[in-house]
Amino acid sequence: MDSTPETISLREQKRRNTKLGIEDAATRLVDEKGFAHVTVEEICAAAGVSKRTFFNYFDSKDSAVLGTPGQSFTPAQRERFLSTPADSMAVLSLELAKEHLRELHADSRISARRHRIANDTDAAYAVLSRRRAKNDEFSDLIKLRLEKDPHLRLLSGVSTDTEAIVIAGIVREALWVAMAAPDSDCNASLPDRLDQSVSLIHDYWKEIQW
């Protein structure tokens, strides 16, 4: 019994090291050769893992390269999102996104590479496709919470579907600014950069004269 916590800890550390090794190899190769010129096989060879191991951690090349979260929100994340007391749907949605992304850009070298790669045309197309699928899941979850707690709604003249799309869209574009903007601090975590990009969008919006 006494060895269980240590065994779990060592297993988890090995899992994280393997995942980090794949991300390191993927981002290094794409940073050097371009997104379209690197294969999963090359990433596996550079990381010293099999394709089976690769796909145990990532569902595609772009997921390993860009850290785009292809996996669904966990049941625990969904439950927290749907039940945590909140005064702002936008803030609650932003916190869910940050929680989901927290592990993605922990290494500063990988983060710096991803920042450069995000401006690669082929990588951008890959991100766009995956963002659309993730945004659908995100919007559906936001809609559920808005229907559960109507007092969180701000747009009374539209459906919950439309308001959910608006909220998810704000978070989605803030994430893109955090990943691709030349001024983004790659030494900061992605959640911190997401906060900064939301503030930037908010400040810009206030200056618009309609």
Protein backbone atom coordinates (compact mmCIF):
# COMPACT_ATOMS: atom_id res chain seq x y z
CA MET A 1 0.00 0.00 0.00
CA ASP A 2 2.79 2.40 0.89
CA SER A 3 4.35 2.06 -2.55
CA THR A 4 1.17 2.89 -4.46
CA PRO A 5 1.51 6.72 -4.47
CA GLU A 6 5.14 6.42 -5.60
CA THR A 7 4.25 3.91 -8.33
CA ILE A 8 1.48 6.16 -9.63
CA SER A 9 3.78 9.16 -9.51
CA LEU A 10 6.52 7.39 -11.47
CA ARG A 11 4.02 6.14 -14.03
CA GLU A 12 2.59 9.62 -14.47
CA GLN A 13 6.07 11.12 -14.78
CA LYS A 14 6.95 8.60 -17.48
CA ARG A 15 3.74 9.43 -19.33
CA ARG A 16 4.50 13.14 -19.20
CA ASN A 17 8.10 12.61 -20.32
CA THR A 18 6.97 10.54 -23.30
CA LYS A 19 4.38 13.13 -24.29
CA LEU A 20 6.91 15.94 -23.94
CA GLY A 21 9.46 14.01 -26.00
CA ILE A 22 6.96 13.61 -28.85
CA GLU A 23 6.02 17.30 -28.71
CA ASP A 24 9.69 18.30 -28.65
CA ALA A 25 10.48 16.17 -31.71
CA ALA A 26 7.36 17.29 -33.59
CA THR A 27 7.87 21.00 -33.03
CA ARG A 28 11.61 20.85 -33.72
CA LEU A 29 11.16 19.06 -37.05
CA VAL A 30 8.31 21.29 -38.22
CA ASP A 31 10.15 24.42 -37.12
CA GLU A 32 13.10 23.30 -39.25
CA LYS A 33 11.33 21.84 -42.31
CA GLY A 34 7.80 23.27 -42.41
CA PHE A 35 4.49 21.71 -41.42
CA ALA A 36 3.76 20.07 -44.78
CA HIS A 37 7.19 18.42 -44.98
CA VAL A 38 7.13 16.40 -41.74
CA THR A 39 5.39 13.05 -41.30
CA VAL A 40 4.21 11.19 -38.23
CA GLU A 41 6.79 8.52 -39.04
CA GLU A 42 9.59 11.09 -38.88
CA ILE A 43 8.30 12.43 -35.59
CA CYS A 44 8.17 8.92 -34.15
CA ALA A 45 11.73 8.21 -35.27
CA ALA A 46 13.02 11.45 -33.76
CA ALA A 47 11.16 10.84 -30.49
CA GLY A 48 12.15 7.18 -30.31
CA VAL A 49 8.57 5.89 -30.09
CA SER A 50 6.33 3.65 -32.18
CA LYS A 51 3.36 4.94 -34.17
CA ARG A 52 1.12 3.09 -31.73
CA THR A 53 2.65 5.02 -28.83
CA PHE A 54 2.34 8.27 -30.77
CA PHE A 55 -1.38 7.75 -31.29
CA ASN A 56 -1.85 6.86 -27.63
CA TYR A 57 -0.93 10.48 -26.89
CA PHE A 58 -2.03 12.42 -29.97
CA ASP A 59 -4.76 11.90 -32.52
CA SER A 60 -2.88 13.54 -35.41
CA LYS A 61 0.32 15.27 -36.47
CA ASP A 62 -1.09 18.75 -35.95
CA SER A 63 -2.15 17.89 -32.40
CA ALA A 64 1.44 17.00 -31.52
CA VAL A 65 2.88 19.96 -33.39
CA LEU A 66 0.50 22.70 -32.29
CA GLY A 67 -0.81 21.36 -29.03
CA THR A 68 -4.34 21.80 -30.30
CA PRO A 69 -6.51 19.82 -27.88
CA GLY A 70 -8.26 17.22 -29.98
CA GLN A 71 -9.65 15.35 -26.99
CA SER A 72 -13.08 16.18 -25.65
CA PHE A 73 -13.61 17.94 -22.36
CA THR A 74 -13.38 15.44 -19.53
CA PRO A 75 -16.51 14.50 -17.56
CA ALA A 76 -15.04 16.36 -14.57
CA GLN A 77 -14.46 19.50 -16.64
CA ARG A 78 -17.99 19.35 -18.01
CA GLU A 79 -19.46 18.87 -14.54
CA ARG A 80 -17.52 21.81 -13.11
CA PHE A 81 -18.54 24.02 -16.00
CA LEU A 82 -22.21 23.14 -15.65
CA SER A 83 -22.37 23.38 -11.85
CA THR A 84 -19.84 25.99 -10.65
CA PRO A 85 -21.58 29.16 -9.41
CA ALA A 86 -20.82 32.04 -11.79
CA ASP A 87 -21.69 35.66 -12.46
CA SER A 88 -20.30 35.75 -16.01
CA MET A 89 -20.71 33.20 -18.76
CA ALA A 90 -17.73 34.65 -20.63
CA VAL A 91 -15.42 34.35 -17.61
CA LEU A 92 -16.62 30.82 -16.87
CA SER A 93 -16.03 29.82 -20.50
CA LEU A 94 -12.58 31.36 -20.48
CA GLU A 95 -11.67 29.42 -17.33
CA LEU A 96 -12.78 26.17 -18.95
CA ALA A 97 -10.61 26.89 -21.98
CA LYS A 98 -7.62 27.70 -19.77
CA GLU A 99 -8.08 24.53 -17.75
CA HIS A 100 -8.27 22.45 -20.92
CA LEU A 101 -5.13 24.06 -22.33
CA ARG A 102 -3.04 24.23 -19.17
CA GLU A 103 -0.59 21.45 -20.03
CA LEU A 104 -0.10 22.39 -23.67
CA HIS A 105 2.62 25.02 -23.62
CA ALA A 106 4.48 24.35 -20.38
CA ASP A 107 7.93 24.06 -22.02
CA SER A 108 9.28 27.45 -23.16
CA ARG A 109 11.25 26.01 -26.11
CA ILE A 110 8.23 24.15 -27.43
CA SER A 111 6.08 27.21 -26.83
CA ALA A 112 8.45 29.42 -28.84
CA ARG A 113 8.46 26.94 -31.74
CA ARG A 114 4.67 26.72 -31.71
CA HIS A 115 4.47 30.48 -31.81
CA ARG A 116 6.49 30.49 -35.04
CA ILE A 117 4.72 27.45 -36.48
CA ALA A 118 1.28 29.01 -35.92
CA ASN A 119 2.05 31.40 -38.78
CA ASP A 120 2.84 28.57 -41.21
CA THR A 121 0.10 28.51 -43.87
CA ASP A 122 -0.30 24.73 -43.85
CA ALA A 123 -0.40 24.65 -40.06
CA ALA A 124 -3.01 27.40 -40.02
CA TYR A 125 -5.32 25.34 -42.25
CA ALA A 126 -4.93 22.34 -39.96
CA VAL A 127 -5.73 24.46 -36.92
CA LEU A 128 -8.80 25.95 -38.59
CA SER A 129 -10.35 22.53 -39.18
CA ARG A 130 -9.72 21.35 -35.63
CA ARG A 131 -10.86 24.61 -34.10
CA ARG A 132 -14.20 24.28 -35.88
CA ALA A 133 -14.82 20.84 -34.36
CA LYS A 134 -13.73 21.95 -30.90
CA ASN A 135 -15.81 25.11 -31.18
CA ASP A 136 -18.95 23.04 -31.84
CA GLU A 137 -18.35 21.06 -28.65
CA PHE A 138 -17.61 24.25 -26.71
CA SER A 139 -20.71 26.02 -28.02
CA ASP A 140 -22.93 23.07 -27.14
CA LEU A 141 -21.61 23.05 -23.58
CA ILE A 142 -22.10 26.81 -23.21
CA LYS A 143 -25.65 26.45 -24.51
CA LEU A 144 -26.41 23.82 -21.86
CA ARG A 145 -25.22 26.16 -19.10
CA LEU A 146 -27.18 29.12 -20.48
CA GLU A 147 -30.32 27.01 -20.57
CA LYS A 148 -29.66 25.77 -17.04
CA ASP A 149 -29.05 29.31 -15.69
CA PRO A 150 -30.89 31.87 -17.85
CA HIS A 151 -29.76 34.71 -15.56
CA LEU A 152 -26.28 34.36 -17.11
CA ARG A 153 -27.61 35.44 -20.50
CA LEU A 154 -26.74 38.89 -21.86
CA LEU A 155 -28.27 38.76 -25.36
CA SER A 156 -32.00 38.59 -24.77
CA GLY A 157 -32.88 39.21 -28.42
CA VAL A 158 -31.30 36.01 -29.76
CA SER A 159 -31.49 32.28 -29.09
CA THR A 160 -29.25 30.47 -26.61
CA ASP A 161 -27.59 28.80 -29.61
CA THR A 162 -26.55 32.17 -31.03
CA GLU A 163 -25.34 33.54 -27.70
CA ALA A 164 -23.32 30.37 -27.11
CA ILE A 165 -21.71 30.74 -30.55
CA VAL A 166 -20.80 34.36 -29.78
CA ILE A 167 -19.17 33.43 -26.45
CA ALA A 168 -17.28 30.48 -27.92
CA GLY A 169 -16.15 32.66 -30.83
CA ILE A 170 -14.69 35.28 -28.51
CA VAL A 171 -12.67 32.66 -26.64
CA ARG A 172 -11.60 30.99 -29.90
CA GLU A 173 -10.26 34.20 -31.44
CA ALA A 174 -8.57 35.21 -28.19
CA LEU A 175 -6.78 31.86 -28.25
CA TRP A 176 -5.61 32.46 -31.81
CA VAL A 177 -4.21 35.87 -30.81
CA ALA A 178 -2.45 34.23 -27.85
CA MET A 179 -0.85 31.63 -30.12
CA ALA A 180 0.04 33.68 -33.19
CA ALA A 181 0.49 37.35 -32.25
CA PRO A 182 4.12 38.49 -32.71
CA ASP A 183 4.01 40.30 -29.36
CA SER A 184 2.97 37.21 -27.38
CA ASP A 185 5.41 36.32 -24.61
CA CYS A 186 6.42 32.72 -25.26
CA ASN A 187 7.83 32.46 -21.74
CA ALA A 188 4.32 32.97 -20.34
CA SER A 189 1.95 30.03 -20.07
CA LEU A 190 -0.78 29.72 -22.67
CA PRO A 191 -3.51 30.40 -20.07
CA ASP A 192 -1.73 33.64 -19.10
CA ARG A 193 -1.37 34.62 -22.74
CA LEU A 194 -5.05 33.88 -23.26
CA ASP A 195 -5.90 36.29 -20.45
CA GLN A 196 -3.69 38.92 -22.06
CA SER A 197 -5.27 38.48 -25.48
CA VAL A 198 -8.78 38.78 -24.02
CA SER A 199 -7.74 42.06 -22.40
CA LEU A 200 -6.27 43.22 -25.71
CA ILE A 201 -9.48 42.44 -27.60
CA HIS A 202 -11.54 44.13 -24.88
CA ASP A 203 -9.38 47.28 -24.98
CA TYR A 204 -9.55 47.43 -28.77
CA TRP A 205 -13.32 46.95 -28.78
CA LYS A 206 -13.78 49.88 -26.40
CA GLU A 207 -11.99 52.17 -28.86
CA ILE A 208 -14.27 51.34 -31.80
CA GLN A 209 -16.57 54.17 -32.83
CA TRP A 210 -19.75 52.86 -34.46
